[in-house]
Protein backbone atom coordinates (compact mmCIF):
# COMPACT_ATOMS: atom_id res chain seq x y z
CA MET A 1 82.22 73.78 91.16
CA SER A 2 84.65 72.55 93.80
CA ASN A 3 83.38 71.90 97.27
CA THR A 4 85.09 74.87 98.90
CA HIS A 5 82.14 76.49 100.66
CA HIS A 6 83.40 75.22 104.02
CA LEU A 7 86.48 77.46 103.61
CA THR A 8 84.47 80.66 103.17
CA ASN A 9 83.96 81.51 106.84
CA LYS A 10 87.53 80.61 107.71
CA LEU A 11 88.99 82.84 104.97
CA LYS A 12 86.64 85.66 105.94
CA SER A 13 87.58 85.41 109.61
CA LEU A 14 91.23 85.64 108.63
CA LYS A 15 90.43 88.61 106.35
CA LEU A 16 91.76 86.77 103.31
CA GLY A 17 89.22 88.08 100.83
CA GLY A 18 91.73 88.06 98.00
CA MET A 19 92.11 84.30 98.33
CA LEU A 20 88.38 83.82 98.63
CA ASP A 21 87.65 85.78 95.46
CA THR A 22 90.03 83.73 93.30
CA LEU A 23 89.92 80.35 94.99
CA GLU A 24 87.75 78.62 92.38
CA LEU A 25 89.72 80.16 89.52
CA ARG A 26 93.05 79.05 90.97
CA LEU A 27 91.77 75.51 91.62
CA LYS A 28 90.78 75.17 87.97
CA GLN A 29 94.14 76.56 86.90
CA VAL A 30 96.04 74.10 89.08
CA GLN A 31 93.99 71.18 87.82
CA GLN A 32 94.33 72.15 84.15
CA ASP A 33 98.07 72.83 84.33
CA ASN A 34 98.82 69.98 86.75
CA LEU A 35 100.55 72.33 89.20
CA GLY A 36 101.73 71.44 92.70
CA TYR A 37 100.56 72.52 96.15
CA ILE A 38 103.32 75.10 96.56
CA GLU A 39 102.45 76.80 93.27
CA PHE A 40 98.76 76.78 94.22
CA LEU A 41 99.53 78.42 97.54
CA GLU A 42 101.81 80.96 95.87
CA PHE A 43 99.05 81.98 93.47
CA LEU A 44 96.61 82.49 96.33
CA LEU A 45 99.11 84.51 98.34
CA GLU A 46 99.82 86.73 95.34
CA ASP A 47 96.10 87.33 94.92
CA GLU A 48 95.77 88.33 98.55
CA LEU A 49 98.78 90.64 98.40
CA GLN A 50 97.43 92.28 95.26
CA ARG A 51 94.03 92.81 96.84
CA ARG A 52 95.60 94.47 99.88
CA ALA A 53 97.81 96.65 97.70
CA ASN A 54 94.77 97.75 95.70
CA ARG A 55 92.88 98.61 98.87
CA ARG A 56 95.79 100.66 100.20
CA LEU A 57 96.01 102.52 96.89
CA GLN A 58 92.27 103.16 96.91
CA LEU A 59 92.53 104.54 100.44
CA ARG A 60 95.43 106.84 99.54
CA VAL A 61 93.52 108.13 96.51
CA VAL A 62 90.44 108.83 98.64
CA GLN A 63 92.55 110.61 101.27
CA ALA A 64 94.17 112.74 98.54
CA HIS A 65 90.82 114.43 97.75
CA PHE A 66 91.57 114.73 94.02
CA GLU A 67 87.98 115.82 93.15
CA GLU A 68 88.37 113.60 90.09
CA VAL A 69 91.06 111.05 89.37
CA LYS A 70 93.47 111.90 86.56
CA THR A 71 96.38 109.75 85.42
CA MET A 72 99.41 110.13 83.19
CA GLU A 73 97.94 107.50 80.88
CA THR A 74 94.89 109.65 80.13
CA PHE A 75 96.78 112.88 79.33
CA ASP A 76 97.09 113.69 75.63
CA PHE A 77 100.75 114.63 75.28
CA GLY A 78 100.36 115.05 71.53
CA PHE A 79 97.67 117.74 71.70
CA ASN A 80 100.16 120.59 72.24
CA SER A 81 103.47 120.07 70.47
CA LYS A 82 105.41 122.22 72.97
CA THR A 83 104.40 120.21 76.03
CA PRO A 84 107.63 119.54 78.02
CA THR A 85 107.01 115.79 78.07
CA ARG A 86 110.45 114.80 79.32
CA GLN A 87 110.28 117.11 82.34
CA ILE A 88 106.80 115.86 83.20
CA MET A 89 107.76 112.21 82.86
CA ASP A 90 110.78 112.80 85.09
CA LEU A 91 108.47 114.21 87.77
CA ALA A 92 106.10 111.26 87.31
CA THR A 93 108.85 108.93 88.53
CA CYS A 94 108.30 110.66 91.90
CA GLN A 95 112.01 110.78 92.60
CA PHE A 96 111.57 114.49 93.31
CA ILE A 97 109.42 113.53 96.32
CA GLU A 98 112.20 111.35 97.66
CA ARG A 99 114.55 114.33 97.25
CA LYS A 100 112.02 116.70 98.93
CA GLU A 101 111.91 118.88 95.80
CA TRP A 102 109.12 121.09 94.48
CA ALA A 103 107.52 121.70 91.09
CA LEU A 104 105.74 124.68 89.60
CA PHE A 105 103.31 124.31 86.68
CA VAL A 106 102.54 127.58 84.89
CA GLY A 107 100.39 128.19 81.83
CA PRO A 108 97.10 129.57 80.51
CA VAL A 109 93.69 128.07 81.14
CA GLY A 110 92.98 124.71 79.56
CA VAL A 111 96.49 123.44 78.78
CA GLY A 112 96.35 120.64 81.35
CA LYS A 113 97.96 121.95 84.53
CA SER A 114 95.34 120.52 86.88
CA HIS A 115 95.27 117.20 85.03
CA LEU A 116 99.04 116.87 85.25
CA ILE A 117 99.45 117.70 88.92
CA LYS A 118 96.62 115.31 89.80
CA ALA A 119 98.21 112.65 87.59
CA ILE A 120 101.56 113.09 89.33
CA GLY A 121 99.70 112.87 92.63
CA HIS A 122 98.01 109.66 91.55
CA GLN A 123 101.35 108.23 90.50
CA ALA A 124 102.70 109.12 93.95
CA CYS A 125 99.76 107.29 95.53
CA ARG A 126 100.64 104.22 93.45
CA MET A 127 104.16 104.36 94.83
CA GLY A 128 102.98 104.51 98.43
CA TYR A 129 103.27 108.23 99.18
CA GLN A 130 100.68 110.16 101.14
CA VAL A 131 99.22 112.91 98.94
CA LEU A 132 96.80 115.80 99.41
CA TYR A 133 95.26 117.92 96.65
CA THR A 134 93.53 121.25 97.25
CA ARG A 135 92.68 124.46 95.50
CA THR A 136 94.36 127.52 96.99
CA SER A 137 91.05 129.22 97.68
CA ARG A 138 89.83 126.25 99.71
CA LEU A 139 93.06 126.04 101.66
CA LEU A 140 92.89 129.72 102.56
CA SER A 141 89.22 129.41 103.52
CA ASP A 142 90.01 126.43 105.72
CA LEU A 143 92.92 128.15 107.45
CA GLY A 144 90.83 131.30 107.81
CA GLY A 145 88.22 129.27 109.68
CA GLY A 146 90.98 128.07 111.96
CA HIS A 147 91.73 131.65 112.99
CA ALA A 148 88.06 132.09 113.84
CA ASP A 149 87.62 129.00 116.02
CA GLY A 150 91.13 128.54 117.42
CA THR A 151 91.98 125.42 115.38
CA TRP A 152 94.49 127.04 113.01
CA ASP A 153 97.47 124.98 114.19
CA SER A 154 95.71 121.65 113.72
CA ARG A 155 94.36 122.70 110.33
CA LEU A 156 97.82 123.76 109.16
CA ARG A 157 99.27 120.41 110.24
CA ARG A 158 96.85 118.69 107.88
CA TYR A 159 98.61 120.40 104.95
CA LEU A 160 102.08 119.73 106.37
CA LYS A 161 101.62 116.01 107.01
CA PRO A 162 101.44 114.53 103.46
CA ASP A 163 104.59 113.59 101.58
CA LEU A 164 103.25 115.60 98.65
CA LEU A 165 100.92 118.61 98.70
CA LEU A 166 99.30 119.65 95.41
CA LEU A 167 98.22 123.30 95.43
CA ASP A 168 96.05 124.21 92.43
CA ASP A 169 94.89 127.61 91.12
CA PHE A 170 97.59 129.51 92.98
CA ALA A 171 97.65 133.34 92.75
CA MET A 172 94.25 133.72 91.14
CA LYS A 173 93.63 137.02 92.96
CA GLU A 174 95.13 139.34 95.57
CA PHE A 175 95.83 137.93 99.03
CA SER A 176 94.63 139.64 102.18
CA GLN A 177 97.16 140.23 104.93
CA GLN A 178 95.98 137.15 106.81
CA GLN A 179 95.93 134.98 103.69
CA ALA A 180 99.43 136.07 102.73
CA GLU A 181 100.71 135.23 106.21
CA ASP A 182 99.03 131.82 106.06
CA ILE A 183 100.58 131.09 102.66
CA TYR A 184 103.97 132.15 104.00
CA GLU A 185 103.67 129.82 107.01
CA LEU A 186 102.66 126.90 104.80
CA ILE A 187 105.45 127.49 102.27
CA ASP A 188 108.04 128.03 104.98
CA GLU A 189 107.12 124.89 106.91
CA ARG A 190 107.00 122.64 103.84
CA SER A 191 110.31 124.03 102.57
CA ARG A 192 112.00 122.37 105.53
CA GLY A 193 111.58 118.85 104.22
CA SER A 194 108.53 117.89 102.16
CA SER A 195 107.44 118.20 98.55
CA LEU A 196 105.03 120.70 97.04
CA VAL A 197 103.56 121.03 93.55
CA VAL A 198 101.88 124.31 92.59
CA ALA A 199 99.81 125.13 89.50
CA SER A 200 99.05 128.71 88.42
CA ASN A 201 97.61 130.59 85.46
CA ARG A 202 99.93 133.51 86.22
CA SER A 203 103.65 133.66 85.66
CA PRO A 204 105.72 134.02 88.85
CA GLN A 205 106.73 137.56 87.92
CA ASP A 206 103.04 138.52 88.15
CA TRP A 207 102.62 137.21 91.70
CA TYR A 208 104.51 139.95 93.49
CA PRO A 209 101.74 142.62 93.43
CA LEU A 210 99.20 140.12 94.74
CA PHE A 211 100.80 140.24 98.19
CA PRO A 212 99.97 143.07 100.60
CA THR A 213 103.58 143.73 101.62
CA PRO A 214 106.94 143.32 99.86
CA VAL A 215 108.33 141.35 102.80
CA LEU A 216 105.67 138.64 102.54
CA ALA A 217 105.95 138.57 98.75
CA GLU A 218 109.70 138.09 98.86
CA GLY A 219 109.47 135.52 101.65
CA VAL A 220 107.01 133.36 99.70
CA LEU A 221 108.41 133.82 96.20
CA ASP A 222 112.03 133.24 97.19
CA ARG A 223 111.15 129.87 98.71
CA LEU A 224 108.64 128.83 96.07
CA ILE A 225 110.32 129.92 92.84
CA ASN A 226 113.93 129.09 93.65
CA LYS A 227 113.20 125.65 95.10
CA ALA A 228 111.01 124.34 92.27
CA HIS A 229 111.28 122.62 88.92
CA HIS A 230 109.58 124.99 86.45
CA ILE A 231 107.14 123.36 84.00
CA ILE A 232 105.93 125.93 81.45
CA LEU A 233 102.87 124.87 79.49
CA THR A 234 101.83 126.73 76.35
CA GLY A 235 99.54 126.21 73.40
CA LYS A 236 95.84 125.90 72.74
CA SER A 237 93.22 124.95 75.30
CA TYR A 238 92.08 121.34 75.38
CA ARG A 239 88.74 122.18 76.96
CA PRO A 240 86.84 122.87 73.71
CA GLN A 241 87.49 119.21 72.85
CA LEU A 242 85.42 118.25 75.88
CA ARG A 243 82.25 120.07 74.80
CA PRO A 244 79.18 117.75 74.76
CA ASP A 245 78.52 118.67 71.11
CA LYS A 246 82.12 118.07 70.01
CA SER A 247 81.56 114.50 68.87
CA THR A 248 78.60 115.62 66.75
CA GLN A 249 80.66 118.42 65.25
CA VAL A 250 83.49 116.04 64.38
CA ALA A 251 81.08 113.59 62.76
CA GLU A 252 79.60 116.36 60.61
CA GLU A 253 83.08 117.50 59.55
CA VAL A 254 83.95 113.93 58.51
CA LYS A 255 80.81 113.70 56.38
CA THR A 256 81.76 116.84 54.46
CA MET A 257 85.28 115.62 53.70
């Protein structure tokens, strides 16, 4: 091992952990490949930059509150033949965020809506955007608490600040008057210049009766439906494939073939 222990405290004090972690490896590489000082330094700088980029990504993912991390790489696009892969991949480029556009994912339970919106959110985190994921029920509960303790404005700003807001399980049940007004305020504010992705089990035409008044329904639906890319997901549910006994069942089926 090279005698580099005297550099440890200096690298730590300069917060150059990326260099510290790979110093021995890079020394061996330089010696084996007979590389020069400039190349050695370049390798170490790249390691440090990569470490900092990874930490920033990790922080953005934590701040997004995904519940569980999902990525485009782990979604099975072949499971349902009618999955609109091209539309989804276009959204995954995150150019729609740059254009301040919206997206609406609609389909029955189990076809991958939550996975896909989280995956798009994770892709946005990779590209440096600030993202926030929440279920509609939790958002409404949070804003409702703000009415009770006088912090509604500050709580709303939390959902307006990110470059991309992911709103899952939208329109699961009827909205109260206060909830409908809160949804309207959120939709209206974000429509002025930031991206929103919504996932729902119900088709947009079924949302109207969930609002207490036609005025609120029209105000929300006009902004949400007409501003968004529509991603319609159909087909069988993937969730039965995730049953704990599924692997045993598959093994037994293979034996009988």
